[in-house]
Protein backbone atom coordinates (compact mmCIF):
# COMPACT_ATOMS: atom_id res chain seq x y z
CA MET A 1 0.06 0.33 -0.27
CA ARG A 2 1.47 3.38 -1.36
CA LEU A 3 1.20 5.83 2.07
CA SER A 4 2.03 8.77 -0.58
CA LEU A 5 -1.37 8.31 -1.96
CA LEU A 6 -3.95 8.59 1.18
CA ILE A 7 -5.72 10.03 4.02
CA SER A 8 -8.48 9.43 4.62
CA CYS A 9 -11.34 9.52 7.14
CA LEU A 10 -14.49 8.42 7.37
CA PHE A 11 -18.30 9.10 6.94
CA TYR A 12 -21.39 9.10 8.67
CA PHE A 13 -25.04 8.18 6.98
CA ILE A 14 -26.59 10.76 5.01
CA THR A 15 -30.60 11.43 6.05
CA THR A 16 -31.86 14.17 4.45
CA SER A 17 -28.33 15.08 3.19
CA LYS A 18 -27.16 15.92 6.67
CA LEU A 19 -24.36 14.24 8.91
CA TYR A 20 -24.90 12.36 11.29
CA ALA A 21 -24.03 9.25 13.52
CA GLY A 22 -20.97 10.02 15.19
CA ILE A 23 -20.71 13.91 14.48
CA ALA A 24 -22.49 15.45 16.88
CA ASP A 25 -22.20 19.07 15.15
CA THR A 26 -23.79 19.08 11.55
CA THR A 27 -23.81 22.44 11.70
CA GLN A 28 -20.08 22.50 10.80
CA ILE A 29 -18.15 20.15 7.82
CA PRO A 30 -16.50 17.61 9.17
CA VAL A 31 -12.65 17.78 8.94
CA PHE A 32 -10.44 14.32 8.97
CA ALA A 33 -6.48 13.68 9.96
CA TRP A 34 -5.43 11.18 8.46
CA GLY A 35 -2.25 10.19 10.31
CA GLY A 36 -3.37 11.62 13.67
CA VAL A 37 -2.13 11.17 17.08
CA PRO A 38 0.75 7.80 17.22
CA PRO A 39 -0.89 5.33 20.04
CA HIS A 40 3.04 6.01 21.60
CA GLU A 41 1.89 9.87 21.37
CA ALA A 42 -1.20 9.72 22.48
CA SER A 43 -2.60 11.99 25.21
CA ILE A 44 -5.70 14.22 26.34
CA ALA A 45 -2.94 17.28 25.18
CA ARG A 46 -2.28 16.34 21.72
CA TYR A 47 -6.04 15.33 21.10
CA GLU A 48 -6.52 18.55 22.57
CA GLU A 49 -4.18 19.82 20.01
CA MET A 50 -5.34 18.12 17.41
CA LYS A 51 -8.37 19.71 17.80
CA ASN A 52 -7.40 23.33 18.26
CA ALA A 53 -6.36 22.89 14.30
CA GLY A 54 -9.63 22.19 13.33
CA LEU A 55 -9.15 19.18 13.31
CA THR A 56 -12.61 16.70 14.44
CA VAL A 57 -11.89 13.44 13.38
CA SER A 58 -8.38 10.85 13.41
CA LEU A 59 -7.69 7.81 11.63
CA THR A 60 -4.51 6.18 12.94
CA ARG A 61 -3.28 2.40 12.89
CA SER A 62 -3.83 1.25 16.79
CA THR A 63 -1.83 -2.10 17.89
CA SER A 64 -4.81 -3.46 18.97
CA ILE A 65 -7.41 -3.69 20.24
CA ASP A 66 -6.80 -2.56 23.84
CA SER A 67 -4.46 0.35 22.94
CA MET A 68 -7.37 1.80 20.44
CA SER A 69 -9.88 1.54 23.73
CA MET A 70 -7.16 3.69 25.42
CA MET A 71 -6.65 6.38 22.82
CA LEU A 72 -10.99 6.60 22.95
CA ASP A 73 -11.16 7.58 26.47
CA MET A 74 -8.10 10.48 25.87
CA ALA A 75 -10.20 11.18 22.78
CA GLU A 76 -13.58 11.35 24.28
CA LYS A 77 -12.23 13.92 27.07
CA ALA A 78 -10.35 16.21 24.19
CA GLY A 79 -13.57 16.44 22.26
CA VAL A 80 -12.73 14.48 19.43
CA THR A 81 -13.19 11.56 17.80
CA LEU A 82 -11.26 8.31 16.17
CA ILE A 83 -11.97 6.22 13.47
CA ILE A 84 -11.38 2.64 14.82
CA ARG A 85 -8.19 1.27 13.40
CA CYS A 86 -7.37 -2.57 14.80
CA PRO A 87 -6.48 -5.85 13.80
CA GLU A 88 -8.97 -7.53 15.73
CA LEU A 89 -11.30 -5.36 13.39
CA GLN A 90 -10.67 -8.15 10.42
CA THR A 91 -9.76 -11.02 12.79
CA ASP A 92 -13.07 -10.71 14.84
CA PRO A 93 -15.03 -7.48 13.52
CA GLU A 94 -18.61 -8.15 15.54
CA ASN A 95 -16.62 -8.44 18.87
CA THR A 96 -15.14 -5.74 18.08
CA VAL A 97 -17.30 -3.81 16.91
CA ARG A 98 -19.75 -4.57 20.20
CA ARG A 99 -17.03 -2.96 22.02
CA PHE A 100 -16.82 0.10 20.87
CA MET A 101 -19.86 1.12 19.14
CA HIS A 102 -21.46 2.53 22.24
CA HIS A 103 -17.95 4.84 22.65
CA SER A 104 -18.98 8.68 22.63
CA ALA A 105 -15.68 8.78 20.32
CA THR A 106 -16.15 5.96 17.81
CA ALA A 107 -16.32 7.37 14.38
CA GLY A 108 -16.76 4.70 12.34
CA TYR A 109 -14.61 1.83 11.27
CA PHE A 110 -11.16 1.52 9.03
CA LEU A 111 -11.60 -1.38 6.03
CA LYS A 112 -8.86 -0.30 2.91
CA ASP A 113 -7.23 2.66 1.77
CA GLU A 114 -6.41 2.23 -1.90
CA PRO A 115 -8.60 -1.46 -2.80
CA SER A 116 -8.44 -2.66 -6.40
CA ALA A 117 -11.77 -3.43 -7.98
CA LYS A 118 -11.05 -7.42 -7.26
CA ASP A 119 -11.17 -6.50 -3.18
CA PHE A 120 -14.40 -5.06 -3.33
CA PRO A 121 -16.84 -8.40 -3.16
CA TYR A 122 -15.05 -8.86 0.31
CA LEU A 123 -15.23 -5.44 1.24
CA GLY A 124 -18.73 -5.53 0.51
CA LYS A 125 -19.45 -8.33 3.15
CA TRP A 126 -16.89 -6.97 5.81
CA MET A 127 -19.14 -3.91 5.74
CA LYS A 128 -21.98 -5.52 5.98
CA SER A 129 -20.95 -8.03 8.69
CA ILE A 130 -19.91 -4.49 10.38
CA ARG A 131 -23.14 -2.74 10.19
CA ALA A 132 -25.46 -6.02 10.97
CA VAL A 133 -24.12 -5.39 14.16
CA ASP A 134 -23.71 -1.45 14.03
CA SER A 135 -25.56 0.76 11.61
CA GLN A 136 -24.99 3.93 13.34
CA HIS A 137 -21.64 4.52 12.75
CA ALA A 138 -20.17 4.41 8.33
CA CYS A 139 -16.91 2.28 7.57
CA TYR A 140 -14.54 3.88 5.68
CA ILE A 141 -12.98 2.78 2.53
CA ASN A 142 -10.61 5.25 0.42
CA LEU A 143 -10.07 4.96 -3.16
CA PHE A 144 -7.17 5.21 -5.77
CA PRO A 145 -6.46 8.73 -7.98
CA ASN A 146 -7.08 8.90 -11.07
CA TYR A 147 -3.75 8.79 -12.14
CA ALA A 148 -3.14 4.53 -10.63
CA VAL A 149 -3.25 2.35 -13.57
CA PRO A 150 -5.25 -0.35 -14.61
CA ALA A 151 -2.90 -2.92 -13.29
CA GLN A 152 -3.78 -0.74 -9.67
CA LEU A 153 -7.34 -0.10 -10.18
CA GLY A 154 -8.01 -3.50 -11.05
CA ALA A 155 -10.60 -2.36 -13.95
CA ASP A 156 -10.18 -0.79 -17.40
CA THR A 157 -10.88 2.25 -16.45
CA TYR A 158 -11.58 5.20 -13.98
CA GLN A 159 -15.05 5.47 -14.03
CA HIS A 160 -15.59 1.63 -14.11
CA TYR A 161 -13.54 1.16 -11.09
CA LEU A 162 -16.06 3.70 -9.77
CA ASP A 163 -18.94 2.62 -10.54
CA GLU A 164 -18.10 -0.85 -9.31
CA TYR A 165 -17.13 0.30 -6.04
CA ILE A 166 -20.53 1.76 -5.67
CA ALA A 167 -22.34 -1.23 -7.22
CA MET A 168 -20.33 -3.96 -5.36
CA VAL A 169 -19.47 -2.41 -1.92
CA ALA A 170 -22.60 -0.13 -1.43
CA PRO A 171 -20.87 2.56 0.89
CA PRO A 172 -21.87 6.12 3.07
CA VAL A 173 -20.17 7.86 0.94
CA LEU A 174 -17.22 8.17 -1.64
CA SER A 175 -13.52 9.08 -0.79
CA PHE A 176 -10.38 9.21 -3.28
CA ASP A 177 -7.30 10.92 -2.70
CA HIS A 178 -5.61 12.98 -5.59
CA TYR A 179 -2.67 15.01 -4.54
CA PRO A 180 -2.72 17.63 -7.48
CA VAL A 181 0.74 20.15 -6.67
CA ILE A 182 3.83 18.56 -7.57
CA GLU A 183 7.51 20.09 -7.81
CA THR A 184 9.23 19.19 -11.51
CA LYS A 185 12.83 20.56 -11.84
CA GLY A 186 12.33 23.38 -8.80
CA GLU A 187 8.92 24.47 -10.67
CA ARG A 188 5.64 23.30 -8.93
CA HIS A 189 2.36 22.67 -10.81
CA LEU A 190 -0.46 20.84 -10.73
CA ARG A 191 -1.47 17.87 -12.00
CA GLU A 192 -3.13 17.90 -15.15
CA GLU A 193 -5.72 14.91 -14.13
CA TRP A 194 -6.98 16.43 -11.04
CA PHE A 195 -9.84 18.24 -12.29
CA ALA A 196 -11.04 15.23 -14.20
CA ASN A 197 -10.53 13.10 -11.16
CA LEU A 198 -12.99 15.62 -9.20
CA GLU A 199 -14.91 15.92 -12.21
CA MET A 200 -15.82 11.89 -12.04
CA ALA A 201 -15.95 11.45 -8.32
CA ALA A 202 -18.68 14.13 -7.66
CA LYS A 203 -20.73 13.35 -11.15
CA THR A 204 -20.84 9.78 -9.66
CA ALA A 205 -21.57 10.78 -5.76
CA GLN A 206 -24.58 12.70 -7.31
CA LYS A 207 -26.09 10.57 -9.22
CA ASN A 208 -25.61 7.98 -6.61
CA ASN A 209 -27.36 10.33 -3.79
CA LYS A 210 -23.69 9.96 -1.75
CA PRO A 211 -21.84 12.64 -0.86
CA PHE A 212 -17.89 12.30 -1.34
CA TRP A 213 -14.70 13.26 0.49
CA ALA A 214 -11.46 14.68 -0.86
CA PHE A 215 -8.38 15.63 0.29
CA ALA A 216 -5.68 18.02 0.28
CA LEU A 217 -1.25 17.24 0.96
CA SER A 218 0.23 18.57 4.37
CA VAL A 219 3.15 16.36 4.67
CA ALA A 220 5.91 16.53 1.90
CA HIS A 221 7.26 13.91 0.39
CA GLY A 222 8.44 11.96 -2.89
CA SER A 223 7.77 14.41 -5.33
CA TYR A 224 5.08 16.89 -3.51
CA PRO A 225 6.99 19.89 -1.49
CA VAL A 226 6.29 21.16 1.47
CA PRO A 227 3.12 23.23 0.70
CA THR A 228 2.62 26.64 0.94
CA LEU A 229 -0.96 28.13 2.61
CA ALA A 230 -1.94 29.36 -1.12
CA GLU A 231 -1.71 25.62 -2.18
CA ILE A 232 -3.83 24.00 1.41
CA ARG A 233 -6.45 26.70 0.19
CA LEU A 234 -6.99 25.90 -3.40
CA GLN A 235 -7.04 22.04 -2.47
CA VAL A 236 -9.55 22.69 0.01
CA PHE A 237 -11.65 25.13 -1.79
CA ALA A 238 -11.55 23.82 -5.14
CA ASN A 239 -12.98 20.40 -3.12
CA LEU A 240 -15.55 22.66 -2.20
CA ALA A 241 -16.54 24.00 -5.03
CA TYR A 242 -16.90 20.65 -6.15
CA GLY A 243 -19.36 19.93 -3.58
CA ALA A 244 -17.56 18.05 -1.11
CA GLN A 245 -19.02 17.57 2.23
CA GLY A 246 -15.91 16.84 4.21
CA ILE A 247 -12.33 17.96 4.05
CA GLN A 248 -9.39 15.30 4.96
CA TYR A 249 -5.83 16.01 5.60
CA PHE A 250 -2.62 13.64 4.45
CA THR A 251 -0.68 13.93 6.75
CA TYR A 252 -1.46 15.25 10.86
CA TRP A 253 1.97 13.91 11.84
CA THR A 254 4.88 13.32 9.81
CA PRO A 255 4.85 9.42 9.66
CA ARG A 256 8.53 8.23 10.94
CA ASN A 257 8.80 5.29 8.06
CA LYS A 258 10.30 7.43 5.61
CA SER A 259 11.42 4.43 2.47
CA GLN A 260 11.57 5.59 -0.36
CA TYR A 261 9.04 8.78 -0.07
CA ALA A 262 10.82 10.52 2.83
CA TYR A 263 8.26 12.27 4.69
CA HIS A 264 8.80 15.56 6.49
CA HIS A 265 7.34 18.64 7.20
CA GLY A 266 4.07 17.61 8.35
CA PRO A 267 1.90 19.75 10.62
CA ILE A 268 3.48 17.52 13.53
CA ASP A 269 7.07 15.90 12.19
CA ASP A 270 8.37 13.13 13.54
CA ASP A 271 10.04 15.36 16.83
CA ASN A 272 6.73 15.27 17.60
CA LYS A 273 6.49 19.38 17.68
CA ARG A 274 3.97 21.87 15.53
CA THR A 275 5.32 23.25 11.93
CA ASP A 276 4.36 26.39 10.81
CA VAL A 277 2.39 23.68 8.71
CA TYR A 278 -0.01 23.31 11.78
CA GLU A 279 -0.70 26.85 11.74
CA MET A 280 -1.28 26.84 7.88
CA ILE A 281 -4.23 23.53 8.36
CA ARG A 282 -5.51 25.49 11.40
CA THR A 283 -5.75 28.84 9.62
CA VAL A 284 -7.84 27.11 6.75
CA ASN A 285 -9.74 25.26 8.72
CA ARG A 286 -10.97 28.23 10.67
CA GLU A 287 -11.94 29.46 7.00
CA ILE A 288 -13.51 26.24 6.25
CA GLN A 289 -16.18 26.33 9.31
CA ASN A 290 -16.82 30.21 8.44
CA LEU A 291 -18.05 28.87 5.63
CA SER A 292 -20.22 25.64 6.71
CA ASP A 293 -23.61 27.16 6.27
CA VAL A 294 -22.63 27.65 2.37
CA PHE A 295 -21.24 24.33 1.86
CA LEU A 296 -22.72 21.85 4.49
CA SER A 297 -25.70 20.11 2.68
CA ALA A 298 -25.15 22.04 -0.26
CA LYS A 299 -25.33 20.78 -4.25
CA VAL A 300 -23.66 21.85 -7.02
CA ILE A 301 -25.95 23.01 -10.05
CA SER A 302 -22.97 23.21 -12.46
CA ILE A 303 -19.53 24.06 -12.57
CA TRP A 304 -17.29 25.48 -14.67
CA HIS A 305 -13.40 27.03 -15.87
CA THR A 306 -12.12 30.07 -17.09
CA GLY A 307 -8.63 30.11 -18.37
CA LYS A 308 -6.96 30.42 -21.80
CA ASP A 309 -7.01 26.72 -21.74
CA ILE A 310 -9.26 24.45 -19.26
CA PRO A 311 -8.41 21.29 -18.11
CA ALA A 312 -9.71 17.86 -19.62
CA GLY A 313 -12.84 17.05 -18.64
CA THR A 314 -14.28 20.23 -17.47
CA GLN A 315 -16.51 22.91 -19.26
CA ARG A 316 -15.41 26.03 -20.04
CA LEU A 317 -17.84 29.36 -18.93
CA ILE A 318 -19.01 31.08 -21.78
CA GLU A 319 -21.80 32.90 -20.28
CA PRO A 320 -22.18 34.27 -16.33
CA PRO A 321 -24.30 31.62 -14.63
CA GLU A 322 -28.00 32.21 -13.67
CA GLY A 323 -28.64 35.41 -11.67
CA ILE A 324 -25.73 37.01 -12.79
CA ARG A 325 -25.60 39.50 -15.05
CA LYS A 326 -21.59 39.84 -16.05
CA ILE A 327 -18.46 37.92 -14.81
CA SER A 328 -15.17 38.95 -15.85
CA ILE A 329 -12.01 37.29 -14.11
CA LYS A 330 -8.90 38.15 -15.44
CA GLY A 331 -5.57 35.39 -14.20
CA GLU A 332 -4.53 32.07 -14.69
CA GLY A 333 -7.90 31.15 -14.55
CA ALA A 334 -11.05 30.48 -11.73
CA ILE A 335 -13.04 27.08 -10.87
CA VAL A 336 -16.69 29.01 -11.00
CA SER A 337 -19.40 27.23 -9.43
CA LEU A 338 -22.89 27.38 -8.47
CA ILE A 339 -24.33 25.36 -5.77
CA GLU A 340 -27.62 25.36 -3.86
CA ASN A 341 -27.87 25.09 -0.68
CA GLY A 342 -31.58 24.75 1.02
CA LYS A 343 -33.71 28.38 -0.35
CA GLN A 344 -30.73 29.83 -1.34
CA ARG A 345 -28.13 29.91 -4.05
CA TYR A 346 -24.44 30.70 -4.36
CA VAL A 347 -21.61 31.78 -7.10
CA ILE A 348 -18.34 30.61 -5.98
CA ILE A 349 -15.15 31.88 -8.01
CA VAL A 350 -12.11 30.04 -6.99
CA ASN A 351 -8.44 31.21 -8.36
CA LYS A 352 -6.38 27.99 -9.39
CA ASP A 353 -3.59 29.96 -8.99
CA PHE A 354 -1.32 29.46 -6.56
CA ASN A 355 0.82 32.30 -7.09
CA GLN A 356 -0.57 35.23 -8.25
CA SER A 357 -4.37 37.16 -6.76
CA MET A 358 -6.84 37.02 -9.42
CA LYS A 359 -8.66 39.93 -10.67
CA LEU A 360 -12.26 39.67 -10.81
CA TYR A 361 -15.52 41.68 -11.61
CA ILE A 362 -19.08 40.36 -11.12
CA LYS A 363 -22.34 42.18 -11.49
CA GLY A 364 -25.88 40.74 -10.81
CA TYR A 365 -29.33 41.31 -11.87
CA ARG A 366 -30.46 42.29 -8.30
CA THR A 367 -28.25 42.61 -5.24
CA LEU A 368 -25.55 40.56 -3.91
CA GLU A 369 -24.15 39.56 -0.87
CA ARG A 370 -20.58 38.55 -0.12
CA VAL A 371 -20.30 35.79 1.94
CA PHE A 372 -16.69 36.39 3.69
CA LYS A 373 -14.70 33.10 4.64
CA ASP A 374 -13.06 35.82 7.98
CA ILE A 375 -15.25 35.46 10.10
CA ASN A 376 -14.86 39.34 11.25
CA LYS A 377 -16.05 40.87 8.48
CA GLU A 378 -19.20 41.41 7.78
CA LYS A 379 -21.26 40.34 4.95
CA SER A 380 -21.61 42.88 2.39
CA LYS A 381 -24.44 43.35 -0.08
CA ARG A 382 -23.88 45.46 -3.36
CA LYS A 383 -25.06 44.88 -7.38
CA ALA A 384 -21.60 44.66 -8.49
CA PHE A 385 -18.55 43.95 -6.57
CA ALA A 386 -14.41 44.55 -8.06
CA LEU A 387 -12.07 42.70 -6.19
CA LEU A 388 -8.51 40.76 -5.49
CA VAL A 389 -8.80 37.05 -5.09
CA GLU A 390 -6.06 35.89 -3.26
CA PRO A 391 -3.93 32.85 -4.78
CA GLY A 392 -5.74 30.04 -4.02
CA GLY A 393 -8.25 32.25 -2.87
CA ILE A 394 -12.12 31.91 -2.83
CA ALA A 395 -15.03 34.68 -3.26
CA VAL A 396 -18.69 33.83 -2.08
CA PHE A 397 -21.75 35.36 -3.70
CA SER A 398 -25.41 34.49 -2.78
CA ILE A 399 -27.98 35.32 -4.90
CA LYS A 400 -31.81 35.30 -5.23
CA HIS A 401 -33.56 32.41 -7.62
């Protein structure tokens, strides 16, 4: 299993499009830490530190069922939840689930990361055996990205891989990892396949009436550089613009298994100390929660791209979104998303350039209301806005319909 393609976290069953089971507060977007506090460092203080970074659920491999139990008790006191991941969940799933299903810090159950389609029948049976005991907490499985080769996928195409997963496993949520910012010869750029992956995952999830979860890379390794604040923002805000209902970070704690990937400089480094990336994710997680009213349970109506060349598999913005009289974007390009949440519609603009700000002019047929990711800024109402969108940044406007 390749750790560099991971992160993921758990999901919960959906009722009237709301997440529940294991999440007490359904008014904010869940934020998960893959590679959370490791067993040898587990303490109430360490879980509180994780919570202070804006992370609500942790996924870490525990060494035994008893170790898992102790970690749950600590997490409960700190006010966070954990995904159950211990050897006994596979060797004795029913009794393991019975032991943890009523613990208030239980978020769900880890089954598999990046399975082949050949694993789907077994995973479907395993999931059913767990759900027969506990129907209130979901099982976590995370899929390959679309740059995995057919031999890894166990399917001819990535779309076939997604469709087989939904049909054979029937998961409550679709999760996939994709880390788009890579460095080649000293230059950082986005993977060409990223937006096609978001398009396929979002459409597959929506077609099957399931939410999807997506990732942001927070630890450097291999060709993935130490992230900047703008790069983290771009990943998170692009995911939300595509309708993601949960954000996951790979990783929170820097893996000590260096191997060929040479992991370094995660939010908590391998010397167990905070890095500047910890402050970055804390900043972005605060922005995510400030926009939860916009994105939690939202439905994507349409999504477009702007720029000289738009990514493969995406749709170019030709005319302004419904409810907008004029929109002008000057820069490398943007994501423009029209979403609906209850009776309210929003236009979302994300700057795809993580190096330069982008000029935006937007005018409505009626008054637009700008919603800020900074909670200290009051909503602003005008018929038109001219502004700079920071690198990797987001601009959100509510419109009447």
